[in-house]
Amino acid sequence: MKIYVHDQGITLAGKAWEIKQKLKEYQKQHKLVKDWINSVNKTVNNRIS
């Protein structure tokens, strides 16, 4: 399974059951996909600075 996170959104590539499992996992940490993207972008920005 592969997860690509970019400024505009996310792309999940894999089998249907893998994607469902990963979404349930991230649902525990982030209420919205937007929150997930923002947290990843903050992490990347902190590494660059």
C-alpha atoms as a PDB file:
ATOM      1  CA  MET A   1       0.000   0.000   0.000  1.00  0.00           C
ATOM      2  CA  LYS A   2       1.181   3.500  -0.800  1.00  0.00           C
ATOM      3  CA  ILE A   3       0.031   6.845   0.582  1.00  0.00           C
ATOM      4  CA  TYR A   4       0.839  10.081  -1.228  1.00  0.00           C
ATOM      5  CA  VAL A   5       0.090  13.298   0.671  1.00  0.00           C
ATOM      6  CA  HIS A   6       0.293  16.589  -1.214  1.00  0.00           C
ATOM      7  CA  ASP A   7      -0.974  20.145  -0.750  1.00  0.00           C
ATOM      8  CA  GLN A   8      -4.303  19.500  -2.459  1.00  0.00           C
ATOM      9  CA  GLY A   9      -5.169  16.177  -0.840  1.00  0.00           C
ATOM     10  CA  ILE A  10      -4.131  12.552  -0.525  1.00  0.00           C
ATOM     11  CA  THR A  11      -3.905   9.554  -2.823  1.00  0.00           C
ATOM     12  CA  LEU A  12      -4.185   6.046  -1.438  1.00  0.00           C
ATOM     13  CA  ALA A  13      -3.042   3.160  -3.629  1.00  0.00           C
ATOM     14  CA  GLY A  14      -3.572  -0.441  -2.645  1.00  0.00           C
ATOM     15  CA  LYS A  15      -6.182  -3.101  -2.193  1.00  0.00           C
ATOM     16  CA  ALA A  16      -9.617  -2.036  -0.991  1.00  0.00           C
ATOM     17  CA  TRP A  17      -9.259  -3.728   2.393  1.00  0.00           C
ATOM     18  CA  GLU A  18      -5.849  -2.068   2.940  1.00  0.00           C
ATOM     19  CA  ILE A  19      -7.270   1.377   2.182  1.00  0.00           C
ATOM     20  CA  LYS A  20     -10.262   0.850   4.488  1.00  0.00           C
ATOM     21  CA  GLN A  21      -7.975  -0.340   7.285  1.00  0.00           C
ATOM     22  CA  LYS A  22      -5.625   2.643   6.860  1.00  0.00           C
ATOM     23  CA  LEU A  23      -8.510   5.128   6.823  1.00  0.00           C
ATOM     24  CA  LYS A  24      -9.871   3.656  10.057  1.00  0.00           C
ATOM     25  CA  GLU A  25      -6.400   3.920  11.590  1.00  0.00           C
ATOM     26  CA  TYR A  26      -6.003   7.591  10.630  1.00  0.00           C
ATOM     27  CA  GLN A  27      -9.575   8.332  11.700  1.00  0.00           C
ATOM     28  CA  LYS A  28      -8.461   7.792  15.303  1.00  0.00           C
ATOM     29  CA  GLN A  29      -5.838  10.543  14.983  1.00  0.00           C
ATOM     30  CA  HIS A  30      -7.579  13.037  12.679  1.00  0.00           C
ATOM     31  CA  LYS A  31     -11.249  13.934  12.455  1.00  0.00           C
ATOM     32  CA  LEU A  32     -11.059  15.202   8.859  1.00  0.00           C
ATOM     33  CA  VAL A  33      -8.780  14.422   5.936  1.00  0.00           C
ATOM     34  CA  LYS A  34      -8.029  18.157   5.879  1.00  0.00           C
ATOM     35  CA  ASP A  35      -6.611  17.875   9.413  1.00  0.00           C
ATOM     36  CA  TRP A  36      -4.458  14.938   8.326  1.00  0.00           C
ATOM     37  CA  ILE A  37      -3.047  16.894   5.376  1.00  0.00           C
ATOM     38  CA  ASN A  38      -2.379  19.961   7.532  1.00  0.00           C
ATOM     39  CA  SER A  39      -0.509  17.936  10.147  1.00  0.00           C
ATOM     40  CA  VAL A  40       1.686  16.304   7.502  1.00  0.00           C
ATOM     41  CA  ASN A  41       2.408  19.666   5.861  1.00  0.00           C
ATOM     42  CA  LYS A  42       3.391  21.153   9.248  1.00  0.00           C
ATOM     43  CA  THR A  43       5.791  18.258   9.821  1.00  0.00           C
ATOM     44  CA  VAL A  44       7.382  18.756   6.406  1.00  0.00           C
ATOM     45  CA  ASN A  45       7.670  22.519   6.926  1.00  0.00           C
ATOM     46  CA  ASN A  46       9.353  21.971  10.312  1.00  0.00           C
ATOM     47  CA  ARG A  47      11.932  19.655   8.733  1.00  0.00           C
ATOM     48  CA  ILE A  48      12.744  22.207   6.038  1.00  0.00           C
ATOM     49  CA  SER A  49      13.165  25.114   8.480  1.00  0.00           C
END
